[in-house]
Amino acid sequence: MAWLIALENRTFSLLLSNLFIGLCKGSRILQNYSKVFNNDLGYEIFKFEPSFTSSAGRVNPDVIIISDKVENTLIVEWTEASSVGDDKMNQLNRYSKITNNDLVNVAAIPITSVKTYDTMLIVLPDSFINYDSFLKSRHIEFPILTFEIQTDQYFLDKKSSSFRESKTNEFFTNGIKIQRIPLHYLPIQLDQISIQSVVTFVVRHLISLIIKGVPEFSIEEFCEGYIPVWKFIDLVKQSQIKKVTKKVLSDLIKKPIGANILIRIVENPPKWKIKDDFNIKVRKKSVIKSLEEFIKEEKGETYQLEIDFNQDNE
């Protein structure tokens, strides 16, 4: 199977998102860490980017992770900001006032997973002192972890406060040290959804559908296909991704290469058909070149692509 692979930036947010998915899915790349987190502690992703009204106002954590096995919920917030600005102060204060009722009756987390709960804050190593000082000044006891990215290693270390659930606290106290994070679960940053950030993955997925012989698809089916954890993403974010993805496909159809591949068969909700007479194998090199040019135009910047004939199934 041929794939277009973009050498995208491996950002703080993207790495952490995929790290937690891998831990919850028991990824073999994450070795014993995922075995403990998934099998022994029973953690699973509840929702990415959920937004709900707590007792102190609207909150929007990066991800919520839950476990029926240890009856615990983790409200996870991460930031690359080095200092605690006013917005972040207000945000952390709202997190500190979240109640059991907020989680069960508003966020709709199963009651079996909220015997205990914690907000965990993840920051860069150089930012730890600033956040730790702020939380202590407000008498807020969130576990603070630092995430360090090195050339060939990643470190997630708990630096202050404890988790209320003892086994979870032991897991994060021991820390995580790994050489690789699987990035195929969530290919895009949910805090930076744009044409530039999705176009490579849209084109790559379209090629895979052509090769598989898929005759037609809806926007929902298409997005679910190139984002494996689609069902765990909040509906508001899903809507944003669908809008941007639809724009990329609409732009592609306006190009000669796109007009040769696709035809729009339903307007609302949008649905496309891959043309019966299109055969990518006949002129693979010219098709790839045209699609690369399209990606470059959509990105508006220099980028690099390579051809890979194996799907990442880790």
Protein backbone atom coordinates (compact mmCIF):
# COMPACT_ATOMS: atom_id res chain seq x y z
CA MET A 1 0.00 0.00 0.00
CA ALA A 2 1.36 3.43 -0.96
CA TRP A 3 1.14 6.35 1.38
CA LEU A 4 2.19 9.96 1.26
CA ILE A 5 4.01 10.67 4.50
CA ALA A 6 4.63 14.21 5.69
CA LEU A 7 7.56 14.98 7.91
CA GLU A 8 5.38 17.01 10.27
CA ASN A 9 6.63 18.70 13.41
CA ARG A 10 6.33 16.53 16.48
CA THR A 11 4.93 19.08 18.85
CA PHE A 12 4.41 19.11 22.61
CA SER A 13 0.63 18.74 22.28
CA LEU A 14 0.75 16.09 19.56
CA LEU A 15 3.27 13.99 21.46
CA LEU A 16 1.33 14.11 24.72
CA SER A 17 -2.00 13.31 23.03
CA ASN A 18 -0.54 10.24 21.37
CA LEU A 19 1.39 9.23 24.48
CA PHE A 20 -1.81 9.01 26.53
CA ILE A 21 -3.69 7.23 23.76
CA GLY A 22 -0.86 4.72 23.50
CA LEU A 23 -0.85 4.20 27.26
CA CYS A 24 -4.61 3.60 27.25
CA LYS A 25 -4.49 1.29 24.23
CA GLY A 26 -1.63 -0.83 25.50
CA SER A 27 0.79 0.17 22.71
CA ARG A 28 3.71 -2.26 22.50
CA ILE A 29 6.01 0.68 21.70
CA LEU A 30 5.39 1.98 25.23
CA GLN A 31 6.40 -1.37 26.72
CA ASN A 32 5.49 -2.04 30.33
CA TYR A 33 4.18 1.50 30.87
CA SER A 34 1.15 0.85 28.69
CA LYS A 35 0.69 -2.62 30.15
CA VAL A 36 0.39 -1.16 33.65
CA PHE A 37 -1.68 1.88 32.68
CA ASN A 38 -4.09 -0.02 30.47
CA ASN A 39 -4.26 -3.53 31.90
CA ASP A 40 -3.45 -3.11 35.58
CA LEU A 41 -4.98 0.32 36.22
CA GLY A 42 -7.69 0.06 33.55
CA TYR A 43 -7.41 3.59 32.15
CA GLU A 44 -9.11 4.55 28.89
CA ILE A 45 -9.67 7.77 26.99
CA PHE A 46 -13.01 9.39 27.80
CA LYS A 47 -12.84 12.48 25.61
CA PHE A 48 -10.37 14.85 23.96
CA GLU A 49 -11.07 18.58 24.29
CA PRO A 50 -14.34 18.21 26.25
CA SER A 51 -15.97 21.49 27.19
CA PHE A 52 -18.42 21.62 30.07
CA THR A 53 -19.66 24.03 32.72
CA SER A 54 -18.26 23.31 36.17
CA SER A 55 -19.32 24.86 39.45
CA ALA A 56 -16.88 27.71 38.76
CA GLY A 57 -17.52 28.19 35.05
CA ARG A 58 -16.56 26.72 31.69
CA VAL A 59 -13.62 24.30 31.57
CA ASN A 60 -11.95 22.75 28.54
CA PRO A 61 -9.22 20.22 29.46
CA ASP A 62 -6.99 18.70 26.81
CA VAL A 63 -8.21 15.21 27.65
CA ILE A 64 -10.15 13.31 30.32
CA ILE A 65 -9.01 9.78 31.16
CA ILE A 66 -11.09 7.42 33.28
CA SER A 67 -10.83 4.03 34.97
CA ASP A 68 -13.59 1.84 36.35
CA LYS A 69 -10.96 -0.51 37.75
CA VAL A 70 -9.39 2.02 40.15
CA GLU A 71 -12.53 4.23 40.14
CA ASN A 72 -10.56 7.33 39.21
CA THR A 73 -10.74 10.19 36.70
CA LEU A 74 -7.81 12.23 35.41
CA ILE A 75 -8.54 15.72 34.09
CA VAL A 76 -5.44 16.46 32.05
CA GLU A 77 -4.27 19.95 31.14
CA TRP A 78 -0.96 20.70 29.45
CA THR A 79 0.69 23.93 28.41
CA GLU A 80 3.90 25.15 26.82
CA ALA A 81 3.44 28.62 28.30
CA SER A 82 6.43 29.46 30.50
CA SER A 83 4.57 31.87 32.78
CA VAL A 84 1.17 31.76 34.44
CA GLY A 85 -0.80 34.49 32.68
CA ASP A 86 -4.19 35.80 33.73
CA ASP A 87 -6.11 33.40 31.49
CA LYS A 88 -4.18 30.43 32.79
CA MET A 89 -4.66 31.59 36.41
CA ASN A 90 -8.42 31.76 35.92
CA GLN A 91 -8.42 28.42 34.14
CA LEU A 92 -6.52 26.65 36.92
CA ASN A 93 -8.76 28.22 39.54
CA ARG A 94 -11.83 26.85 37.73
CA TYR A 95 -10.25 23.39 37.61
CA SER A 96 -9.68 23.51 41.36
CA LYS A 97 -13.43 23.93 41.95
CA ILE A 98 -14.60 20.99 39.83
CA THR A 99 -16.90 18.71 41.82
CA ASN A 100 -17.98 15.10 41.61
CA ASN A 101 -21.39 16.34 40.46
CA ASP A 102 -19.78 18.33 37.62
CA LEU A 103 -18.03 15.23 36.33
CA VAL A 104 -21.00 12.87 36.60
CA ASN A 105 -24.01 15.03 35.78
CA VAL A 106 -22.47 17.61 33.44
CA ALA A 107 -19.46 15.96 31.78
CA ALA A 108 -21.35 12.61 31.76
CA ILE A 109 -18.48 10.54 33.16
CA PRO A 110 -19.65 7.18 34.55
CA ILE A 111 -20.17 7.36 38.32
CA THR A 112 -18.03 4.21 38.67
CA SER A 113 -14.99 6.24 37.58
CA VAL A 114 -15.23 9.18 39.95
CA LYS A 115 -14.71 7.78 43.41
CA THR A 116 -11.58 9.92 43.21
CA TYR A 117 -10.42 12.44 40.62
CA ASP A 118 -7.50 14.75 39.99
CA THR A 119 -6.54 17.55 37.66
CA MET A 120 -3.01 16.88 36.47
CA LEU A 121 -0.96 19.69 34.96
CA ILE A 122 1.85 18.97 32.48
CA VAL A 123 4.42 21.66 31.70
CA LEU A 124 7.91 22.03 30.29
CA PRO A 125 10.77 21.47 32.79
CA ASP A 126 11.82 25.13 32.80
CA SER A 127 8.26 26.21 33.62
CA PHE A 128 7.71 23.97 36.63
CA ILE A 129 8.80 26.49 39.30
CA ASN A 130 6.39 29.16 38.01
CA TYR A 131 3.38 26.85 38.05
CA ASP A 132 4.30 25.19 41.32
CA SER A 133 4.66 28.58 43.01
CA PHE A 134 1.33 29.77 41.67
CA LEU A 135 -0.58 26.66 42.78
CA LYS A 136 1.01 26.75 46.23
CA SER A 137 0.11 30.43 46.61
CA ARG A 138 -3.54 29.50 45.95
CA HIS A 139 -3.38 26.34 48.09
CA ILE A 140 -4.21 24.21 45.04
CA GLU A 141 -2.80 20.70 45.09
CA PHE A 142 -2.66 19.54 41.49
CA PRO A 143 -0.02 16.95 40.61
CA ILE A 144 2.43 18.75 38.31
CA LEU A 145 4.38 16.72 35.77
CA THR A 146 7.09 17.86 33.41
CA PHE A 147 7.40 16.61 29.85
CA GLU A 148 10.88 16.77 28.38
CA ILE A 149 11.60 16.19 24.70
CA GLN A 150 15.12 15.17 23.77
CA THR A 151 16.56 14.00 20.45
CA ASP A 152 16.02 10.31 21.10
CA GLN A 153 14.14 10.19 24.41
CA TYR A 154 11.01 11.50 26.12
CA PHE A 155 10.55 11.94 29.86
CA LEU A 156 7.34 12.41 31.86
CA ASP A 157 8.11 13.01 35.54
CA LYS A 158 5.91 13.91 38.51
CA LYS A 159 7.45 16.88 40.32
CA SER A 160 4.96 17.89 43.02
CA SER A 161 1.79 16.82 44.86
CA SER A 162 0.25 13.37 44.81
CA PHE A 163 -2.66 11.77 43.00
CA ARG A 164 -5.55 10.79 45.26
CA GLU A 165 -5.65 7.26 43.86
CA SER A 166 -2.64 5.38 45.26
CA LYS A 167 -1.85 3.08 42.30
CA THR A 168 -2.09 6.00 39.88
CA ASN A 169 0.20 8.01 42.10
CA GLU A 170 2.72 5.18 42.14
CA PHE A 171 2.65 4.93 38.34
CA PHE A 172 3.38 8.61 37.75
CA THR A 173 5.84 8.84 40.64
CA ASN A 174 7.95 6.17 38.94
CA GLY A 175 7.90 8.33 35.81
CA ILE A 176 8.04 7.46 32.12
CA LYS A 177 11.21 7.29 30.05
CA ILE A 178 10.78 6.16 26.44
CA GLN A 179 12.58 6.43 23.12
CA ARG A 180 9.54 6.64 20.88
CA ILE A 181 5.91 7.73 20.96
CA PRO A 182 3.47 6.23 18.41
CA LEU A 183 1.97 9.13 16.47
CA HIS A 184 -0.59 7.39 14.26
CA TYR A 185 -3.49 7.55 16.73
CA LEU A 186 -4.06 11.32 16.46
CA PRO A 187 -2.20 12.84 13.50
CA ILE A 188 -3.21 16.49 14.04
CA GLN A 189 -3.08 18.97 16.89
CA LEU A 190 -6.57 19.64 18.19
CA ASP A 191 -5.59 23.12 19.34
CA GLN A 192 -4.39 24.11 15.84
CA ILE A 193 -6.91 22.84 13.30
CA SER A 194 -6.25 24.42 9.91
CA ILE A 195 -5.93 23.60 6.22
CA GLN A 196 -2.17 23.59 6.66
CA SER A 197 -2.29 21.08 9.50
CA VAL A 198 -4.68 18.58 7.86
CA VAL A 199 -3.99 18.71 4.12
CA THR A 200 -1.20 16.12 4.07
CA PHE A 201 -3.30 13.63 6.04
CA VAL A 202 -6.37 14.28 3.89
CA VAL A 203 -4.41 13.55 0.70
CA ARG A 204 -2.76 10.50 2.24
CA HIS A 205 -6.12 9.08 3.29
CA LEU A 206 -7.68 9.79 -0.08
CA ILE A 207 -4.92 7.76 -1.74
CA SER A 208 -5.54 4.88 0.65
CA LEU A 209 -9.26 4.89 -0.23
CA ILE A 210 -8.45 4.83 -3.96
CA ILE A 211 -6.09 1.89 -3.50
CA LYS A 212 -8.64 0.02 -1.36
CA GLY A 213 -11.31 0.54 -4.00
CA VAL A 214 -13.70 2.49 -1.78
CA PRO A 215 -16.31 3.89 -4.23
CA GLU A 216 -17.68 6.82 -2.20
CA PHE A 217 -17.56 8.42 1.24
CA SER A 218 -19.20 11.02 3.47
CA ILE A 219 -17.29 13.71 5.33
CA GLU A 220 -17.90 11.88 8.61
CA GLU A 221 -16.57 8.59 7.20
CA PHE A 222 -13.56 10.32 5.70
CA CYS A 223 -12.54 12.09 8.94
CA GLU A 224 -13.08 8.94 10.98
CA GLY A 225 -10.81 7.15 8.52
CA TYR A 226 -7.79 9.42 8.85
CA ILE A 227 -8.22 10.11 12.58
CA PRO A 228 -8.35 6.71 14.34
CA VAL A 229 -9.52 8.18 17.67
CA TRP A 230 -12.33 10.18 16.03
CA LYS A 231 -15.05 8.93 18.39
CA PHE A 232 -13.08 10.22 21.41
CA ILE A 233 -12.96 13.81 20.14
CA ASP A 234 -15.50 16.35 21.41
CA LEU A 235 -18.28 17.19 18.93
CA VAL A 236 -17.25 20.84 18.67
CA LYS A 237 -13.74 19.84 17.61
CA GLN A 238 -15.14 17.21 15.25
CA SER A 239 -17.18 19.93 13.56
CA GLN A 240 -14.07 22.08 13.10
CA ILE A 241 -12.12 19.18 11.60
CA LYS A 242 -14.96 18.31 9.22
CA LYS A 243 -15.20 21.92 8.05
CA VAL A 244 -11.49 22.19 7.29
CA THR A 245 -11.36 18.71 5.70
CA LYS A 246 -14.31 19.59 3.44
CA LYS A 247 -12.50 22.77 2.36
CA VAL A 248 -9.38 20.78 1.41
CA LEU A 249 -11.41 18.28 -0.66
CA SER A 250 -13.33 21.13 -2.30
CA ASP A 251 -10.06 22.87 -3.18
CA LEU A 252 -8.68 19.62 -4.59
CA ILE A 253 -11.66 19.09 -6.91
CA LYS A 254 -11.00 22.53 -8.43
CA LYS A 255 -7.57 21.30 -9.58
CA PRO A 256 -7.13 19.13 -12.68
CA ILE A 257 -5.78 16.22 -10.61
CA GLY A 258 -8.71 16.45 -8.19
CA ALA A 259 -11.27 16.68 -10.97
CA ASN A 260 -9.81 13.46 -12.39
CA ILE A 261 -10.19 11.68 -9.04
CA LEU A 262 -13.33 12.94 -7.33
CA ILE A 263 -16.84 14.13 -7.94
CA ARG A 264 -19.16 15.70 -5.35
CA ILE A 265 -22.42 13.70 -5.35
CA VAL A 266 -24.22 15.12 -2.31
CA GLU A 267 -24.04 18.68 -1.03
CA ASN A 268 -25.34 18.52 2.53
CA PRO A 269 -24.03 16.60 4.34
CA PRO A 270 -21.23 16.43 1.77
CA LYS A 271 -20.45 13.17 0.03
CA TRP A 272 -17.92 12.33 -2.69
CA LYS A 273 -17.46 9.57 -5.24
CA ILE A 274 -14.13 8.33 -6.58
CA LYS A 275 -14.42 8.22 -10.36
CA ASP A 276 -14.74 4.72 -11.82
CA ASP A 277 -12.24 5.39 -14.59
CA PHE A 278 -9.48 6.70 -12.31
CA ASN A 279 -6.58 4.26 -11.98
CA ILE A 280 -3.72 5.51 -9.80
CA LYS A 281 -1.46 2.62 -10.85
CA VAL A 282 -1.41 3.71 -14.50
CA ARG A 283 0.30 7.03 -13.81
CA LYS A 284 1.34 6.85 -10.20
CA LYS A 285 4.36 9.17 -10.48
CA SER A 286 2.48 12.00 -12.15
CA VAL A 287 -0.43 11.66 -9.70
CA ILE A 288 1.90 11.79 -6.72
CA LYS A 289 3.70 14.82 -8.15
CA SER A 290 0.43 16.68 -8.73
CA LEU A 291 -0.80 15.88 -5.22
CA GLU A 292 2.51 17.04 -3.75
CA GLU A 293 2.11 20.33 -5.61
CA PHE A 294 -1.42 20.64 -4.26
CA ILE A 295 -0.22 20.07 -0.69
CA LYS A 296 2.51 22.65 -1.14
CA GLU A 297 0.00 25.19 -2.42
CA GLU A 298 -2.43 24.53 0.45
CA LYS A 299 0.32 24.77 3.04
CA GLY A 300 1.82 27.90 1.56
CA GLU A 301 5.22 26.87 2.77
CA THR A 302 8.16 24.58 2.04
CA TYR A 303 7.61 21.02 3.16
CA GLN A 304 9.03 17.59 2.49
CA LEU A 305 7.30 14.37 1.47
CA GLU A 306 8.43 10.84 0.94
CA ILE A 307 6.74 7.70 -0.32
CA ASP A 308 6.21 4.82 2.07
CA PHE A 309 4.61 1.54 1.06
CA ASN A 310 3.76 0.33 4.57
CA GLN A 311 1.03 1.55 6.87
CA ASP A 312 2.08 2.12 10.50
CA ASN A 313 0.08 -0.43 12.51
CA GLU A 314 1.82 -0.03 15.83
